[in-house]
Amino acid sequence: MKPINTKCIVCGSDSFKKVFPTKDRMFGKKGRFTLCECNTCKLAFLNPQPTAQKLKQYYVGNKYYAYQSSSKNIYSMIKKYLLKYYYSPTFFSRLLNSLLRNVPAIPKKKSYLIEGKIMDIGCGSGETLQLLKGLGWDAYGIESNSYAVSVASKNNLKNVKLGTYELLKFYKKNFFDAIRLYHVLEHIDDPKLCLKLIHQKLKKQGELIIGVPNYDSFHRRVFRSYWYNLDSPRHLYLFSVNTLKKLLEKEHFIINKIDYHSVYGVTGSMRNILEEKFGKSNTLLKSVFFGMAMTILFYPIERFLDVLHQGDIIIVRASTKI
């Protein structure tokens, strides 16, 4: 474990407080961690942070969801359908998108763009990259898990490299039309360095798409250490809209749009509470139908929270300054 003794990466303050102790709820691995919060800007982070070597055991080989082959559950099939018709929507895709308030974390269509280059950092097994490739993008990816990279390779994604965001150093400046960081920035030990590298490699007015858990959400305030997207110790930093905007502006990005997208926040948090009480092996809690029923039940609440800007996930679209 490495204590954070430096200043806040967002505001520079060296004053922070402990919020509450946390643990690994996804896999039940041993270890206790402390969530801290900057007293000035409210950026949240684990302190001390697990080392990169220590963190590997909390991703549990090929069991982490992002490393799996393309899923065939209903949500995954809906996602694929909506992305397939994202640039040329049908009546049904528009209706479905409106009902679900799906916010695809992919680039907006540019009229001049023909086979533009996109980089997906932390691309997992490449499910989204495959969809982007099908939409005409020249798809690149970086992934730190060797199993996930092998899955991507088997799916004919030849530009997926094994490593961390630091591999960006080996690409030319102004190389990418778009870069995607979906549920990745919170996992990174040095978000500032990551954004600096992205700024160098993104074309002028190129698009950066970031999706992160919302630390300022209703879910976090109500469920606290049971919050589904707390996900200790894999999530090293937790951003609010305010802290993410400040960090992006500090690294010379312009914020173009902010969306809120909640799907599983209430359900996942409730499941954490129930698993603590009844155990992870409880037959009912492990049931796919139970999870689906919970998601449908809480769906109106999730939608309402998004409208109030209290949603569980923030999706930010930004671009480099001219």
C-alpha atoms as a PDB file:
ATOM      1  CA  MET A   1       0.000   0.000   0.000  1.00  0.00           C
ATOM      2  CA  LYS A   2       1.324   3.450  -0.860  1.00  0.00           C
ATOM      3  CA  PRO A   3       0.087   6.485   1.128  1.00  0.00           C
ATOM      4  CA  ILE A   4      -0.860   9.594  -0.850  1.00  0.00           C
ATOM      5  CA  ASN A   5       1.246  12.338   0.651  1.00  0.00           C
ATOM      6  CA  THR A   6       1.125  14.732  -2.279  1.00  0.00           C
ATOM      7  CA  LYS A   7      -1.415  17.449  -2.996  1.00  0.00           C
ATOM      8  CA  CYS A   8      -4.867  16.849  -4.451  1.00  0.00           C
ATOM      9  CA  ILE A   9      -4.628  16.194  -8.206  1.00  0.00           C
ATOM     10  CA  VAL A  10      -7.562  18.541  -8.849  1.00  0.00           C
ATOM     11  CA  CYS A  11      -7.172  21.580  -6.575  1.00  0.00           C
ATOM     12  CA  GLY A  12      -3.714  21.192  -5.029  1.00  0.00           C
ATOM     13  CA  SER A  13      -4.936  21.065  -1.418  1.00  0.00           C
ATOM     14  CA  ASP A  14      -3.052  18.868   1.043  1.00  0.00           C
ATOM     15  CA  SER A  15      -6.001  18.730   3.472  1.00  0.00           C
ATOM     16  CA  PHE A  16      -8.229  15.654   3.380  1.00  0.00           C
ATOM     17  CA  LYS A  17     -10.397  13.579   5.705  1.00  0.00           C
ATOM     18  CA  LYS A  18     -11.303   9.914   6.086  1.00  0.00           C
ATOM     19  CA  VAL A  19     -14.853   9.115   4.916  1.00  0.00           C
ATOM     20  CA  PHE A  20     -15.313   5.415   5.761  1.00  0.00           C
ATOM     21  CA  PRO A  21     -13.533   2.047   5.546  1.00  0.00           C
ATOM     22  CA  THR A  22     -14.218  -0.121   2.486  1.00  0.00           C
ATOM     23  CA  LYS A  23     -13.643  -3.658   1.243  1.00  0.00           C
ATOM     24  CA  ASP A  24     -13.845  -5.744  -1.923  1.00  0.00           C
ATOM     25  CA  ARG A  25     -17.516  -6.642  -2.382  1.00  0.00           C
ATOM     26  CA  MET A  26     -17.275  -8.003  -5.923  1.00  0.00           C
ATOM     27  CA  PHE A  27     -15.018 -10.990  -5.215  1.00  0.00           C
ATOM     28  CA  GLY A  28     -14.801 -10.929  -1.420  1.00  0.00           C
ATOM     29  CA  LYS A  29     -11.003 -10.792  -1.411  1.00  0.00           C
ATOM     30  CA  LYS A  30      -9.340  -9.984   1.904  1.00  0.00           C
ATOM     31  CA  GLY A  31      -8.198  -6.463   2.677  1.00  0.00           C
ATOM     32  CA  ARG A  32      -9.473  -3.226   4.184  1.00  0.00           C
ATOM     33  CA  PHE A  33      -9.196   0.155   2.504  1.00  0.00           C
ATOM     34  CA  THR A  34      -9.960   3.742   3.474  1.00  0.00           C
ATOM     35  CA  LEU A  35     -11.902   6.186   1.333  1.00  0.00           C
ATOM     36  CA  CYS A  36     -10.714   9.766   1.806  1.00  0.00           C
ATOM     37  CA  GLU A  37     -12.033  13.083   0.545  1.00  0.00           C
ATOM     38  CA  CYS A  38     -10.301  16.367  -0.245  1.00  0.00           C
ATOM     39  CA  ASN A  39     -11.572  19.031   2.161  1.00  0.00           C
ATOM     40  CA  THR A  40     -11.450  21.692  -0.563  1.00  0.00           C
ATOM     41  CA  CYS A  41     -12.837  20.205  -3.803  1.00  0.00           C
ATOM     42  CA  LYS A  42     -14.344  16.915  -2.478  1.00  0.00           C
ATOM     43  CA  LEU A  43     -12.367  14.625  -4.783  1.00  0.00           C
ATOM     44  CA  ALA A  44     -12.552  11.127  -3.269  1.00  0.00           C
ATOM     45  CA  PHE A  45      -9.740   8.581  -3.366  1.00  0.00           C
ATOM     46  CA  LEU A  46      -8.348   5.540  -1.600  1.00  0.00           C
ATOM     47  CA  ASN A  47      -5.527   6.375   0.794  1.00  0.00           C
ATOM     48  CA  PRO A  48      -3.253   4.527   0.974  1.00  0.00           C
ATOM     49  CA  GLN A  49      -3.611   3.105  -2.513  1.00  0.00           C
ATOM     50  CA  PRO A  50      -2.787  -0.530  -3.324  1.00  0.00           C
ATOM     51  CA  THR A  51       0.295  -0.956  -5.496  1.00  0.00           C
ATOM     52  CA  ALA A  52      -0.168  -2.079  -9.105  1.00  0.00           C
ATOM     53  CA  GLN A  53       1.100  -5.532  -8.166  1.00  0.00           C
ATOM     54  CA  LYS A  54      -1.290  -5.801  -5.210  1.00  0.00           C
ATOM     55  CA  LEU A  55      -4.243  -4.655  -7.321  1.00  0.00           C
ATOM     56  CA  LYS A  56      -3.849  -7.533  -9.771  1.00  0.00           C
ATOM     57  CA  GLN A  57      -5.338  -9.983  -7.272  1.00  0.00           C
ATOM     58  CA  TYR A  58      -8.547  -7.906  -7.118  1.00  0.00           C
ATOM     59  CA  TYR A  59      -9.245  -8.339 -10.834  1.00  0.00           C
ATOM     60  CA  VAL A  60      -9.316 -12.148 -10.424  1.00  0.00           C
ATOM     61  CA  GLY A  61      -7.970 -13.423 -13.716  1.00  0.00           C
ATOM     62  CA  ASN A  62     -10.645 -13.665 -16.387  1.00  0.00           C
ATOM     63  CA  LYS A  63     -13.608 -13.306 -13.985  1.00  0.00           C
ATOM     64  CA  TYR A  64     -13.759  -9.492 -14.063  1.00  0.00           C
ATOM     65  CA  TYR A  65     -16.782  -8.487 -16.175  1.00  0.00           C
ATOM     66  CA  ALA A  66     -14.841  -6.336 -18.668  1.00  0.00           C
ATOM     67  CA  TYR A  67     -12.610  -9.284 -19.590  1.00  0.00           C
ATOM     68  CA  GLN A  68     -15.419 -11.602 -20.658  1.00  0.00           C
ATOM     69  CA  SER A  69     -16.345 -12.482 -24.216  1.00  0.00           C
ATOM     70  CA  SER A  70     -19.317 -10.673 -25.707  1.00  0.00           C
ATOM     71  CA  SER A  71     -22.321 -11.213 -23.450  1.00  0.00           C
ATOM     72  CA  LYS A  72     -25.661 -12.474 -24.754  1.00  0.00           C
ATOM     73  CA  ASN A  73     -27.877 -11.083 -22.000  1.00  0.00           C
ATOM     74  CA  ILE A  74     -30.779  -8.789 -22.834  1.00  0.00           C
ATOM     75  CA  TYR A  75     -28.990  -5.564 -21.843  1.00  0.00           C
ATOM     76  CA  SER A  76     -25.998  -6.451 -24.042  1.00  0.00           C
ATOM     77  CA  MET A  77     -28.236  -7.256 -27.012  1.00  0.00           C
ATOM     78  CA  ILE A  78     -30.111  -3.953 -26.614  1.00  0.00           C
ATOM     79  CA  LYS A  79     -26.796  -2.097 -26.414  1.00  0.00           C
ATOM     80  CA  LYS A  80     -25.569  -3.737 -29.621  1.00  0.00           C
ATOM     81  CA  TYR A  81     -28.815  -2.903 -31.407  1.00  0.00           C
ATOM     82  CA  LEU A  82     -28.726   0.755 -30.351  1.00  0.00           C
ATOM     83  CA  LEU A  83     -25.076   1.146 -31.328  1.00  0.00           C
ATOM     84  CA  LYS A  84     -25.664  -0.544 -34.686  1.00  0.00           C
ATOM     85  CA  TYR A  85     -28.200   2.154 -35.572  1.00  0.00           C
ATOM     86  CA  TYR A  86     -26.555   4.994 -33.620  1.00  0.00           C
ATOM     87  CA  TYR A  87     -25.501   6.994 -36.690  1.00  0.00           C
ATOM     88  CA  SER A  88     -28.579   6.035 -38.768  1.00  0.00           C
ATOM     89  CA  PRO A  89     -31.374   5.565 -36.219  1.00  0.00           C
ATOM     90  CA  THR A  90     -34.582   3.750 -37.047  1.00  0.00           C
ATOM     91  CA  PHE A  91     -37.968   4.619 -35.576  1.00  0.00           C
ATOM     92  CA  PHE A  92     -37.709   1.658 -33.185  1.00  0.00           C
ATOM     93  CA  SER A  93     -34.138   2.474 -32.098  1.00  0.00           C
ATOM     94  CA  ARG A  94     -35.189   6.084 -31.393  1.00  0.00           C
ATOM     95  CA  LEU A  95     -38.151   4.857 -29.352  1.00  0.00           C
ATOM     96  CA  LEU A  96     -36.061   2.328 -27.437  1.00  0.00           C
ATOM     97  CA  ASN A  97     -33.335   4.886 -26.820  1.00  0.00           C
ATOM     98  CA  SER A  98     -35.911   7.365 -25.503  1.00  0.00           C
ATOM     99  CA  LEU A  99     -37.506   4.819 -23.177  1.00  0.00           C
ATOM    100  CA  LEU A 100     -34.202   3.558 -21.783  1.00  0.00           C
ATOM    101  CA  ARG A 101     -32.490   6.935 -21.895  1.00  0.00           C
ATOM    102  CA  ASN A 102     -29.437   5.105 -23.158  1.00  0.00           C
ATOM    103  CA  VAL A 103     -26.394   7.364 -23.458  1.00  0.00           C
ATOM    104  CA  PRO A 104     -23.900   5.586 -25.741  1.00  0.00           C
ATOM    105  CA  ALA A 105     -20.358   6.519 -24.796  1.00  0.00           C
ATOM    106  CA  ILE A 106     -19.183   6.688 -28.395  1.00  0.00           C
ATOM    107  CA  PRO A 107     -18.207   9.642 -30.596  1.00  0.00           C
ATOM    108  CA  LYS A 108     -20.720  11.879 -32.277  1.00  0.00           C
ATOM    109  CA  LYS A 109     -20.711  11.536 -36.053  1.00  0.00           C
ATOM    110  CA  LYS A 110     -18.506  14.046 -37.834  1.00  0.00           C
ATOM    111  CA  SER A 111     -19.526  14.903 -41.394  1.00  0.00           C
ATOM    112  CA  TYR A 112     -15.876  14.851 -42.546  1.00  0.00           C
ATOM    113  CA  LEU A 113     -15.029  11.575 -40.832  1.00  0.00           C
ATOM    114  CA  ILE A 114     -14.225   8.541 -42.986  1.00  0.00           C
ATOM    115  CA  GLU A 115     -12.615   5.678 -41.081  1.00  0.00           C
ATOM    116  CA  GLY A 116     -11.491   7.964 -38.293  1.00  0.00           C
ATOM    117  CA  LYS A 117      -9.120   6.550 -35.696  1.00  0.00           C
ATOM    118  CA  ILE A 118     -10.488   5.819 -32.233  1.00  0.00           C
ATOM    119  CA  MET A 119      -8.586   4.622 -29.155  1.00  0.00           C
ATOM    120  CA  ASP A 120     -10.423   2.769 -26.384  1.00  0.00           C
ATOM    121  CA  ILE A 121      -8.250   2.804 -23.249  1.00  0.00           C
ATOM    122  CA  GLY A 122      -9.134  -0.103 -20.976  1.00  0.00           C
ATOM    123  CA  CYS A 123     -11.060  -1.764 -23.791  1.00  0.00           C
ATOM    124  CA  GLY A 124     -11.457  -5.124 -22.018  1.00  0.00           C
ATOM    125  CA  SER A 125     -12.236  -7.926 -24.455  1.00  0.00           C
ATOM    126  CA  GLY A 126     -13.079  -5.358 -27.139  1.00  0.00           C
ATOM    127  CA  GLU A 127     -16.864  -5.724 -27.343  1.00  0.00           C
ATOM    128  CA  THR A 128     -17.420  -2.004 -27.915  1.00  0.00           C
ATOM    129  CA  LEU A 129     -14.412  -1.764 -30.254  1.00  0.00           C
ATOM    130  CA  GLN A 130     -15.974  -4.448 -32.436  1.00  0.00           C
ATOM    131  CA  LEU A 131     -19.170  -2.416 -32.660  1.00  0.00           C
ATOM    132  CA  LEU A 132     -17.210   0.756 -33.465  1.00  0.00           C
ATOM    133  CA  LYS A 133     -15.258  -1.101 -36.129  1.00  0.00           C
ATOM    134  CA  GLY A 134     -18.570  -2.180 -37.641  1.00  0.00           C
ATOM    135  CA  LEU A 135     -19.603   1.492 -37.741  1.00  0.00           C
ATOM    136  CA  GLY A 136     -16.548   2.341 -39.844  1.00  0.00           C
ATOM    137  CA  TRP A 137     -14.006   3.365 -37.227  1.00  0.00           C
ATOM    138  CA  ASP A 138     -10.333   2.365 -37.431  1.00  0.00           C
ATOM    139  CA  ALA A 139     -10.307   0.803 -33.960  1.00  0.00           C
ATOM    140  CA  TYR A 140      -7.376   0.792 -31.514  1.00  0.00           C
ATOM    141  CA  GLY A 141      -7.317  -0.397 -27.918  1.00  0.00           C
ATOM    142  CA  ILE A 142      -5.143  -0.685 -24.814  1.00  0.00           C
ATOM    143  CA  GLU A 143      -5.867  -3.283 -22.138  1.00  0.00           C
ATOM    144  CA  SER A 144      -3.830  -4.372 -19.092  1.00  0.00           C
ATOM    145  CA  ASN A 145      -5.258  -7.910 -18.866  1.00  0.00           C
ATOM    146  CA  SER A 146      -3.615 -10.524 -21.100  1.00  0.00           C
ATOM    147  CA  TYR A 147      -6.684 -12.781 -21.189  1.00  0.00           C
ATOM    148  CA  ALA A 148      -8.900  -9.922 -22.405  1.00  0.00           C
ATOM    149  CA  VAL A 149      -6.336  -9.006 -25.077  1.00  0.00           C
ATOM    150  CA  SER A 150      -6.315 -12.614 -26.298  1.00  0.00           C
ATOM    151  CA  VAL A 151     -10.130 -12.539 -26.575  1.00  0.00           C
ATOM    152  CA  ALA A 152      -9.924  -9.283 -28.555  1.00  0.00           C
ATOM    153  CA  SER A 153      -7.295 -10.809 -30.850  1.00  0.00           C
ATOM    154  CA  LYS A 154      -9.499 -13.858 -31.517  1.00  0.00           C
ATOM    155  CA  ASN A 155     -12.256 -11.434 -32.500  1.00  0.00           C
ATOM    156  CA  ASN A 156      -9.970  -9.958 -35.177  1.00  0.00           C
ATOM    157  CA  LEU A 157      -9.113  -6.754 -33.299  1.00  0.00           C
ATOM    158  CA  LYS A 158      -5.483  -6.499 -34.381  1.00  0.00           C
ATOM    159  CA  ASN A 159      -4.753  -3.066 -32.901  1.00  0.00           C
ATOM    160  CA  VAL A 160      -5.393  -3.962 -29.250  1.00  0.00           C
ATOM    161  CA  LYS A 161      -2.159  -3.778 -27.237  1.00  0.00           C
ATOM    162  CA  LEU A 162      -1.331  -5.237 -23.816  1.00  0.00           C
ATOM    163  CA  GLY A 163      -0.371  -2.520 -21.334  1.00  0.00           C
ATOM    164  CA  THR A 164      -1.563   0.642 -19.611  1.00  0.00           C
ATOM    165  CA  TYR A 165      -2.460   4.141 -20.800  1.00  0.00           C
ATOM    166  CA  GLU A 166       1.289   4.893 -20.863  1.00  0.00           C
ATOM    167  CA  LEU A 167       1.467   3.039 -24.193  1.00  0.00           C
ATOM    168  CA  LEU A 168      -0.007   6.227 -25.674  1.00  0.00           C
ATOM    169  CA  LYS A 169       3.566   7.558 -25.658  1.00  0.00           C
ATOM    170  CA  PHE A 170       4.331   5.353 -28.663  1.00  0.00           C
ATOM    171  CA  TYR A 171       1.683   6.899 -30.930  1.00  0.00           C
ATOM    172  CA  LYS A 172       2.230  10.037 -32.997  1.00  0.00           C
ATOM    173  CA  LYS A 173       0.905  13.374 -31.790  1.00  0.00           C
ATOM    174  CA  ASN A 174      -2.554  14.334 -33.070  1.00  0.00           C
ATOM    175  CA  PHE A 175      -3.087  10.721 -34.186  1.00  0.00           C
ATOM    176  CA  PHE A 176      -6.606   9.950 -32.938  1.00  0.00           C
ATOM    177  CA  ASP A 177      -9.930  11.498 -33.908  1.00  0.00           C
ATOM    178  CA  ALA A 178     -11.523  10.200 -30.703  1.00  0.00           C
ATOM    179  CA  ILE A 179     -10.390   8.588 -27.447  1.00  0.00           C
ATOM    180  CA  ARG A 180     -12.668   6.691 -25.112  1.00  0.00           C
ATOM    181  CA  LEU A 181     -12.225   6.214 -21.331  1.00  0.00           C
ATOM    182  CA  TYR A 182     -15.372   4.396 -20.256  1.00  0.00           C
ATOM    183  CA  HIS A 183     -15.262   3.232 -16.630  1.00  0.00           C
ATOM    184  CA  VAL A 184     -11.472   3.500 -16.730  1.00  0.00           C
ATOM    185  CA  LEU A 185     -10.303   6.863 -15.328  1.00  0.00           C
ATOM    186  CA  GLU A 186     -11.344   5.844 -11.799  1.00  0.00           C
ATOM    187  CA  HIS A 187      -9.039   2.796 -12.039  1.00  0.00           C
ATOM    188  CA  ILE A 188      -5.941   4.784 -13.027  1.00  0.00           C
ATOM    189  CA  ASP A 189      -3.242   5.630 -10.492  1.00  0.00           C
ATOM    190  CA  ASP A 190      -2.308   8.919 -12.208  1.00  0.00           C
ATOM    191  CA  PRO A 191      -5.353  10.464 -13.968  1.00  0.00           C
ATOM    192  CA  LYS A 192      -3.449  13.711 -14.635  1.00  0.00           C
ATOM    193  CA  LEU A 193      -0.701  11.966 -16.606  1.00  0.00           C
ATOM    194  CA  CYS A 194      -3.289   9.953 -18.508  1.00  0.00           C
ATOM    195  CA  LEU A 195      -5.151  13.108 -19.571  1.00  0.00           C
ATOM    196  CA  LYS A 196      -1.892  14.851 -20.531  1.00  0.00           C
ATOM    197  CA  LEU A 197      -1.011  11.974 -22.863  1.00  0.00           C
ATOM    198  CA  ILE A 198      -4.521  11.931 -24.317  1.00  0.00           C
ATOM    199  CA  HIS A 199      -4.301  15.663 -25.032  1.00  0.00           C
ATOM    200  CA  GLN A 200      -1.064  15.098 -26.975  1.00  0.00           C
ATOM    201  CA  LYS A 201      -2.414  12.225 -29.077  1.00  0.00           C
ATOM    202  CA  LEU A 202      -5.890  13.628 -29.805  1.00  0.00           C
ATOM    203  CA  LYS A 203      -6.347  15.709 -32.939  1.00  0.00           C
ATOM    204  CA  LYS A 204      -7.323  19.349 -32.567  1.00  0.00           C
ATOM    205  CA  GLN A 205     -11.020  19.407 -31.721  1.00  0.00           C
ATOM    206  CA  GLY A 206     -10.908  15.619 -31.438  1.00  0.00           C
ATOM    207  CA  GLU A 207     -13.424  14.092 -29.043  1.00  0.00           C
ATOM    208  CA  LEU A 208     -12.707  12.601 -25.617  1.00  0.00           C
ATOM    209  CA  ILE A 209     -15.507  10.511 -24.081  1.00  0.00           C
ATOM    210  CA  ILE A 210     -15.274   9.729 -20.364  1.00  0.00           C
ATOM    211  CA  GLY A 211     -17.682   7.689 -18.258  1.00  0.00           C
ATOM    212  CA  VAL A 212     -17.132   7.517 -14.485  1.00  0.00           C
ATOM    213  CA  PRO A 213     -19.178   6.856 -11.325  1.00  0.00           C
ATOM    214  CA  ASN A 214     -20.724  10.015  -9.898  1.00  0.00           C
ATOM    215  CA  TYR A 215     -19.393  10.601  -6.378  1.00  0.00           C
ATOM    216  CA  ASP A 216     -22.007  13.311  -5.898  1.00  0.00           C
ATOM    217  CA  SER A 217     -24.883  10.939  -6.721  1.00  0.00           C
ATOM    218  CA  PHE A 218     -27.918  10.076  -4.628  1.00  0.00           C
ATOM    219  CA  HIS A 219     -26.677   6.473  -4.618  1.00  0.00           C
ATOM    220  CA  ARG A 220     -23.355   7.304  -2.974  1.00  0.00           C
ATOM    221  CA  ARG A 221     -24.889   9.539  -0.320  1.00  0.00           C
ATOM    222  CA  VAL A 222     -27.593   7.024   0.639  1.00  0.00           C
ATOM    223  CA  PHE A 223     -25.763   3.702   0.335  1.00  0.00           C
ATOM    224  CA  ARG A 224     -22.301   4.916   1.440  1.00  0.00           C
ATOM    225  CA  SER A 225     -19.979   1.892   1.808  1.00  0.00           C
ATOM    226  CA  TYR A 226     -22.626  -0.315   0.116  1.00  0.00           C
ATOM    227  CA  TRP A 227     -22.671   1.903  -2.978  1.00  0.00           C
ATOM    228  CA  TYR A 228     -22.335  -0.368  -6.003  1.00  0.00           C
ATOM    229  CA  ASN A 229     -19.937   1.897  -7.905  1.00  0.00           C
ATOM    230  CA  LEU A 230     -17.649   2.424  -4.932  1.00  0.00           C
ATOM    231  CA  ASP A 231     -16.036  -0.854  -6.056  1.00  0.00           C
ATOM    232  CA  SER A 232     -13.002  -0.809  -3.761  1.00  0.00           C
ATOM    233  CA  PRO A 233     -10.140  -1.305  -4.248  1.00  0.00           C
ATOM    234  CA  ARG A 234     -10.397  -1.221  -8.050  1.00  0.00           C
ATOM    235  CA  HIS A 235     -11.687   2.364  -8.061  1.00  0.00           C
ATOM    236  CA  LEU A 236      -8.776   4.490  -6.865  1.00  0.00           C
ATOM    237  CA  TYR A 237     -10.403   7.885  -7.561  1.00  0.00           C
ATOM    238  CA  LEU A 238     -14.074   8.901  -7.516  1.00  0.00           C
ATOM    239  CA  PHE A 239     -15.129  12.064  -9.337  1.00  0.00           C
ATOM    240  CA  SER A 240     -18.109  14.385  -9.174  1.00  0.00           C
ATOM    241  CA  VAL A 241     -19.087  16.573 -12.132  1.00  0.00           C
ATOM    242  CA  ASN A 242     -17.297  19.466 -10.429  1.00  0.00           C
ATOM    243  CA  THR A 243     -13.994  17.664  -9.808  1.00  0.00           C
ATOM    244  CA  LEU A 244     -13.948  16.028 -13.253  1.00  0.00           C
ATOM    245  CA  LYS A 245     -14.641  19.360 -14.979  1.00  0.00           C
ATOM    246  CA  LYS A 246     -11.864  21.059 -13.017  1.00  0.00           C
ATOM    247  CA  LEU A 247      -9.373  18.309 -13.832  1.00  0.00           C
ATOM    248  CA  LEU A 248     -10.237  18.358 -17.546  1.00  0.00           C
ATOM    249  CA  GLU A 249     -10.017  22.145 -17.727  1.00  0.00           C
ATOM    250  CA  LYS A 250      -6.697  21.994 -15.897  1.00  0.00           C
ATOM    251  CA  GLU A 251      -5.417  19.694 -18.649  1.00  0.00           C
ATOM    252  CA  HIS A 252      -6.686  22.064 -21.386  1.00  0.00           C
ATOM    253  CA  PHE A 253      -9.896  20.333 -22.428  1.00  0.00           C
ATOM    254  CA  ILE A 254     -13.211  22.020 -23.219  1.00  0.00           C
ATOM    255  CA  ILE A 255     -16.368  20.414 -21.797  1.00  0.00           C
ATOM    256  CA  ASN A 256     -18.984  20.011 -24.533  1.00  0.00           C
ATOM    257  CA  LYS A 257     -21.700  17.938 -22.873  1.00  0.00           C
ATOM    258  CA  ILE A 258     -22.503  16.124 -19.623  1.00  0.00           C
ATOM    259  CA  ASP A 259     -25.044  13.299 -19.338  1.00  0.00           C
ATOM    260  CA  TYR A 260     -26.225  11.205 -16.398  1.00  0.00           C
ATOM    261  CA  HIS A 261     -26.882   7.522 -16.914  1.00  0.00           C
ATOM    262  CA  SER A 262     -28.086   5.199 -14.170  1.00  0.00           C
ATOM    263  CA  VAL A 263     -28.947   1.568 -14.837  1.00  0.00           C
ATOM    264  CA  TYR A 264     -27.810  -0.704 -12.040  1.00  0.00           C
ATOM    265  CA  GLY A 265     -26.880   1.696  -9.237  1.00  0.00           C
ATOM    266  CA  VAL A 266     -29.822   1.134  -6.887  1.00  0.00           C
ATOM    267  CA  THR A 267     -30.100  -2.582  -7.715  1.00  0.00           C
ATOM    268  CA  GLY A 268     -26.371  -3.203  -7.254  1.00  0.00           C
ATOM    269  CA  SER A 269     -26.273  -1.279  -3.989  1.00  0.00           C
ATOM    270  CA  MET A 270     -29.306  -3.125  -2.630  1.00  0.00           C
ATOM    271  CA  ARG A 271     -27.675  -6.402  -3.651  1.00  0.00           C
ATOM    272  CA  ASN A 272     -24.549  -5.449  -1.659  1.00  0.00           C
ATOM    273  CA  ILE A 273     -26.696  -4.924   1.444  1.00  0.00           C
ATOM    274  CA  LEU A 274     -28.557  -8.218   0.976  1.00  0.00           C
ATOM    275  CA  GLU A 275     -25.349 -10.167   0.304  1.00  0.00           C
ATOM    276  CA  GLU A 276     -23.828  -8.837   3.514  1.00  0.00           C
ATOM    277  CA  LYS A 277     -26.887 -10.062   5.414  1.00  0.00           C
ATOM    278  CA  PHE A 278     -27.553 -13.392   3.659  1.00  0.00           C
ATOM    279  CA  GLY A 279     -24.199 -14.201   2.011  1.00  0.00           C
ATOM    280  CA  LYS A 280     -23.007 -14.072  -1.609  1.00  0.00           C
ATOM    281  CA  SER A 281     -23.910 -17.732  -2.154  1.00  0.00           C
ATOM    282  CA  ASN A 282     -27.625 -17.150  -1.492  1.00  0.00           C
ATOM    283  CA  THR A 283     -29.529 -18.856  -4.333  1.00  0.00           C
ATOM    284  CA  LEU A 284     -32.080 -16.071  -4.766  1.00  0.00           C
ATOM    285  CA  LEU A 285     -29.473 -13.317  -4.898  1.00  0.00           C
ATOM    286  CA  LYS A 286     -27.471 -15.232  -7.531  1.00  0.00           C
ATOM    287  CA  SER A 287     -30.556 -15.625  -9.721  1.00  0.00           C
ATOM    288  CA  VAL A 288     -30.506 -13.751 -13.033  1.00  0.00           C
ATOM    289  CA  PHE A 289     -34.260 -13.216 -12.762  1.00  0.00           C
ATOM    290  CA  PHE A 290     -33.877 -11.603  -9.325  1.00  0.00           C
ATOM    291  CA  GLY A 291     -31.396  -9.085 -10.711  1.00  0.00           C
ATOM    292  CA  MET A 292     -33.607  -8.382 -13.711  1.00  0.00           C
ATOM    293  CA  ALA A 293     -36.701  -7.921 -11.544  1.00  0.00           C
ATOM    294  CA  MET A 294     -34.829  -5.529  -9.237  1.00  0.00           C
ATOM    295  CA  THR A 295     -33.533  -3.516 -12.203  1.00  0.00           C
ATOM    296  CA  ILE A 296     -37.042  -3.167 -13.678  1.00  0.00           C
ATOM    297  CA  LEU A 297     -38.501  -2.278 -10.272  1.00  0.00           C
ATOM    298  CA  PHE A 298     -36.004   0.520  -9.630  1.00  0.00           C
ATOM    299  CA  TYR A 299     -35.850   1.755 -13.234  1.00  0.00           C
ATOM    300  CA  PRO A 300     -38.272   4.701 -12.696  1.00  0.00           C
ATOM    301  CA  ILE A 301     -36.176   5.848  -9.728  1.00  0.00           C
ATOM    302  CA  GLU A 302     -32.966   5.662 -11.784  1.00  0.00           C
ATOM    303  CA  ARG A 303     -34.542   7.702 -14.588  1.00  0.00           C
ATOM    304  CA  PHE A 304     -35.839  10.313 -12.150  1.00  0.00           C
ATOM    305  CA  LEU A 305     -32.400  10.658 -10.531  1.00  0.00           C
ATOM    306  CA  ASP A 306     -30.809  11.190 -13.950  1.00  0.00           C
ATOM    307  CA  VAL A 307     -33.257  14.018 -14.654  1.00  0.00           C
ATOM    308  CA  LEU A 308     -32.297  15.601 -11.311  1.00  0.00           C
ATOM    309  CA  HIS A 309     -28.585  15.260 -12.202  1.00  0.00           C
ATOM    310  CA  GLN A 310     -28.182  12.821  -9.325  1.00  0.00           C
ATOM    311  CA  GLY A 311     -27.531   9.790 -11.526  1.00  0.00           C
ATOM    312  CA  ASP A 312     -24.998   7.102 -10.752  1.00  0.00           C
ATOM    313  CA  ILE A 313     -22.814   7.528 -13.850  1.00  0.00           C
ATOM    314  CA  ILE A 314     -21.482  10.702 -15.491  1.00  0.00           C
ATOM    315  CA  ILE A 315     -20.703  10.697 -19.213  1.00  0.00           C
ATOM    316  CA  VAL A 316     -18.629  13.691 -20.278  1.00  0.00           C
ATOM    317  CA  ARG A 317     -17.794  14.696 -23.830  1.00  0.00           C
ATOM    318  CA  ALA A 318     -14.814  17.002 -24.142  1.00  0.00           C
ATOM    319  CA  SER A 319     -12.460  18.246 -26.836  1.00  0.00           C
ATOM    320  CA  THR A 320      -9.026  19.802 -27.068  1.00  0.00           C
ATOM    321  CA  LYS A 321      -8.760  23.549 -27.345  1.00  0.00           C
ATOM    322  CA  ILE A 322      -7.973  24.901 -30.801  1.00  0.00           C
END
